[in-house]
Protein backbone atom coordinates (compact mmCIF):
# COMPACT_ATOMS: atom_id res chain seq x y z
CA MET A 1 -2.62 24.59 34.01
CA ARG A 2 -0.19 21.98 33.55
CA ARG A 3 -2.62 19.14 32.72
CA ILE A 4 -4.03 21.47 30.25
CA ARG A 5 -0.96 22.02 28.53
CA ALA A 6 -0.11 18.30 28.45
CA LEU A 7 -3.43 17.71 26.92
CA ILE A 8 -3.06 20.31 24.27
CA ILE A 9 0.22 18.82 23.36
CA LEU A 10 -1.18 15.26 23.25
CA MET A 11 -3.96 16.62 21.04
CA GLY A 12 -1.49 18.01 18.59
CA PHE A 13 0.50 14.88 18.44
CA VAL A 14 -2.52 12.95 17.72
CA PHE A 15 -3.60 15.55 15.05
CA LEU A 16 -0.11 15.42 13.45
CA PHE A 17 0.78 11.78 13.54
CA GLY A 18 -2.34 9.95 14.43
CA CYS A 19 -2.54 6.28 14.37
CA ALA A 20 -0.67 4.18 11.66
CA SER A 21 -2.94 2.24 9.11
CA PRO A 22 -1.71 -0.51 6.99
CA SER A 23 -1.10 -0.14 3.22
CA LYS A 24 -4.33 -0.69 1.31
CA MET A 25 -4.47 -3.20 -1.54
CA GLU A 26 -6.71 -1.10 -3.73
CA ASN A 27 -4.16 1.50 -3.67
CA MET A 28 -1.25 -0.73 -4.82
CA VAL A 29 -3.19 -2.17 -7.80
CA LEU A 30 -2.01 -1.25 -11.39
CA GLU A 31 -5.04 -0.10 -13.23
CA ASN A 32 -6.66 -1.95 -16.21
CA SER A 33 -5.33 1.18 -18.37
CA SER A 34 -1.91 0.94 -17.19
CA ALA A 35 -1.44 -2.84 -17.01
CA SER A 36 -3.15 -3.70 -20.33
CA GLN A 37 -0.94 -1.19 -22.26
CA LEU A 38 1.88 -3.63 -22.55
CA THR A 39 2.06 -6.72 -24.45
CA TYR A 40 3.17 -10.12 -23.33
CA ASP A 41 4.77 -13.28 -24.74
CA LYS A 42 1.55 -15.58 -25.61
CA ASN A 43 2.74 -18.09 -23.13
CA LEU A 44 2.42 -16.01 -20.21
CA ASN A 45 -1.29 -14.85 -20.96
CA THR A 46 -3.59 -16.41 -18.31
CA ASN A 47 -0.81 -18.77 -17.01
CA ILE A 48 0.59 -16.90 -13.79
CA GLU A 49 -0.56 -17.75 -10.56
CA VAL A 50 0.57 -15.99 -7.52
CA GLY A 51 2.41 -18.39 -4.92
CA SER A 52 4.01 -17.33 -1.68
CA VAL A 53 4.41 -13.83 -0.81
CA SER A 54 6.88 -13.29 2.06
CA GLY A 55 8.87 -10.37 3.88
CA GLY A 56 5.82 -8.11 4.59
CA LYS A 57 5.34 -6.72 7.87
CA LYS A 58 2.00 -6.22 9.96
CA THR A 59 1.19 -2.32 10.97
CA ASN A 60 1.43 -1.52 14.56
CA PRO A 61 -1.14 1.14 14.90
CA ALA A 62 1.21 2.76 17.49
CA TRP A 63 4.39 3.07 15.17
CA THR A 64 4.32 3.11 11.33
CA SER A 65 2.37 1.92 8.33
CA GLU A 66 3.71 -1.01 6.77
CA ILE A 67 2.98 -3.31 3.57
CA ASP A 68 1.73 -6.68 4.93
CA ASN A 69 2.04 -9.98 2.77
CA GLU A 70 -1.79 -10.41 2.19
CA ALA A 71 -2.37 -6.63 0.78
CA PHE A 72 0.65 -6.87 -1.37
CA GLY A 73 -0.26 -10.32 -2.85
CA GLY A 74 -3.78 -8.96 -3.63
CA ALA A 75 -2.57 -6.08 -5.33
CA LEU A 76 -0.08 -8.14 -7.35
CA ALA A 77 -2.86 -10.94 -8.18
CA GLN A 78 -5.28 -8.08 -9.32
CA SER A 79 -2.49 -6.11 -11.53
CA LEU A 80 -1.73 -9.56 -13.19
CA LYS A 81 -5.31 -10.02 -13.79
CA ASN A 82 -5.65 -6.42 -15.30
CA ALA A 83 -2.71 -7.14 -17.60
CA GLY A 84 -4.27 -10.39 -18.80
CA LEU A 85 -1.63 -12.82 -17.16
CA LEU A 86 -3.23 -14.21 -14.06
CA ALA A 87 -4.34 -17.91 -14.43
CA SER A 88 -7.79 -18.41 -13.40
CA ASP A 89 -7.50 -22.00 -12.81
CA GLY A 90 -4.11 -23.65 -12.77
CA GLY A 91 -1.60 -21.67 -14.53
CA LYS A 92 1.80 -23.21 -16.00
CA TYR A 93 3.84 -20.62 -14.12
CA GLN A 94 3.92 -19.73 -10.37
CA LEU A 95 5.17 -16.41 -9.03
CA GLU A 96 7.25 -16.48 -5.71
CA VAL A 97 7.59 -12.89 -3.95
CA SER A 98 10.14 -11.93 -1.39
CA MET A 99 9.86 -8.42 0.19
CA LEU A 100 13.56 -7.85 0.93
CA SER A 101 13.06 -4.21 2.29
CA VAL A 102 10.85 -1.38 2.49
CA ASP A 103 13.06 1.70 3.31
CA GLN A 104 10.89 4.40 5.18
CA PRO A 105 11.76 7.56 6.53
CA LEU A 106 11.11 8.19 10.36
CA PHE A 107 10.17 11.78 9.88
CA GLY A 108 10.09 14.60 7.48
CA LEU A 109 7.93 16.58 5.02
CA ASN A 110 8.22 14.59 2.16
CA PHE A 111 8.26 10.91 2.55
CA LYS A 112 10.14 8.78 -0.02
CA VAL A 113 9.76 4.97 0.48
CA VAL A 114 11.99 2.61 -1.50
CA THR A 115 10.79 -1.04 -1.97
CA LYS A 116 13.16 -3.79 -3.06
CA ILE A 117 11.28 -6.87 -4.09
CA GLN A 118 12.47 -10.29 -5.37
CA TYR A 119 10.18 -12.10 -7.93
CA LYS A 120 11.07 -15.43 -9.05
CA LEU A 121 8.72 -17.10 -11.80
CA LYS A 122 8.85 -20.91 -12.25
CA GLU A 123 7.52 -23.38 -14.70
CA ILE A 124 5.33 -25.58 -12.54
CA SER A 125 5.75 -28.69 -14.26
CA SER A 126 9.59 -28.67 -14.67
CA GLY A 127 10.45 -26.34 -11.69
CA ASN A 128 12.93 -24.32 -13.83
CA ILE A 129 13.20 -20.75 -12.96
CA ILE A 130 12.43 -18.55 -16.06
CA PHE A 131 12.49 -15.05 -14.19
CA ASP A 132 14.51 -14.23 -11.00
CA GLU A 133 14.99 -10.27 -10.46
CA VAL A 134 15.07 -8.06 -7.76
CA ILE A 135 13.27 -4.74 -8.59
CA THR A 136 13.73 -1.68 -6.71
CA ALA A 137 11.10 1.19 -6.93
CA GLU A 138 10.38 4.41 -4.99
CA HIS A 139 7.53 6.63 -4.38
CA THR A 140 7.53 10.20 -2.66
CA ALA A 141 4.34 11.34 -0.89
CA LYS A 142 4.36 15.22 -0.19
CA VAL A 143 2.82 17.28 2.33
CA GLY A 144 0.23 18.04 -0.19
CA ASP A 145 -0.88 14.62 -0.81
CA ALA A 146 -1.59 14.16 2.93
CA PHE A 147 -1.09 16.68 5.66
CA VAL A 148 -1.15 13.84 8.74
CA ALA A 149 2.29 12.19 8.70
CA VAL A 150 1.08 8.76 9.07
CA LYS A 151 -1.10 9.16 6.20
CA ARG A 152 1.59 10.25 4.07
CA LEU A 153 3.82 7.40 4.87
CA ARG A 154 0.98 4.92 3.95
CA LEU A 155 0.64 6.81 0.60
CA ALA A 156 4.36 6.64 0.20
CA ASN A 157 4.30 2.68 0.78
CA GLU A 158 1.34 2.16 -1.34
CA GLY A 159 3.00 4.23 -4.21
CA SER A 160 6.21 2.30 -3.97
CA ALA A 161 4.60 -0.91 -4.10
CA LYS A 162 2.49 0.09 -7.02
CA GLU A 163 5.64 1.40 -8.77
CA ASN A 164 7.24 -2.02 -7.96
CA ILE A 165 4.62 -3.71 -9.64
CA LYS A 166 4.45 -1.59 -12.79
CA ALA A 167 8.36 -2.26 -13.09
CA LEU A 168 7.55 -6.13 -12.89
CA LEU A 169 4.86 -6.11 -15.39
CA GLN A 170 7.43 -3.90 -17.60
CA ALA A 171 10.05 -6.64 -17.13
CA PHE A 172 7.59 -9.35 -17.93
CA SER A 173 6.66 -7.53 -21.39
CA GLU A 174 10.27 -8.08 -22.23
CA LEU A 175 10.33 -11.77 -21.27
CA LYS A 176 10.10 -14.18 -24.08
CA VAL A 177 9.06 -17.87 -23.33
CA ASP A 178 9.88 -20.62 -25.44
CA VAL A 179 9.73 -24.16 -25.30
CA SER A 180 13.49 -24.55 -25.73
CA GLU A 181 14.89 -21.29 -24.59
CA VAL A 182 13.97 -18.50 -22.12
CA SER A 183 15.58 -14.93 -22.71
CA LEU A 184 15.00 -11.47 -21.75
CA VAL A 185 15.06 -9.07 -24.57
CA GLN A 186 17.43 -6.31 -24.40
């Protein structure tokens, strides 16, 4: 009887919590329709290459879903491509990314994840930093989005990362690049 009860409890935990899976690149990409709505300085068009992406974590299936560097870097590159900013062959600017924090809840019904990511855009030829911002974005996944908690956390991670990329593209749309000066239009 004791073994049956333990087995039922264990099966309940697996059903409710399952195994954690990493954030999926395709769910963090800003689609063509959203990315191409903004206009960018002509100097940025097809001139940005993604450099290093750091600070992400690999997912431990026995613990929680995480955002790894490779998936986030791929989502960022695809989003830049969708916006017409990604260099196909040797751009003028390189974007360095550092995930400073991904704040996640340990439990709850609604999971709110907050990503804090630093983006540095530098001109490759001179090494001058023309954009250096920390962007904070959040996304909440609700029980209606996914009943299983680990999937809900993954969805919250992906949504927060996507919102962060969206905020970056918004900031890039306000960036004016000139040979003699660089400014952010207010």
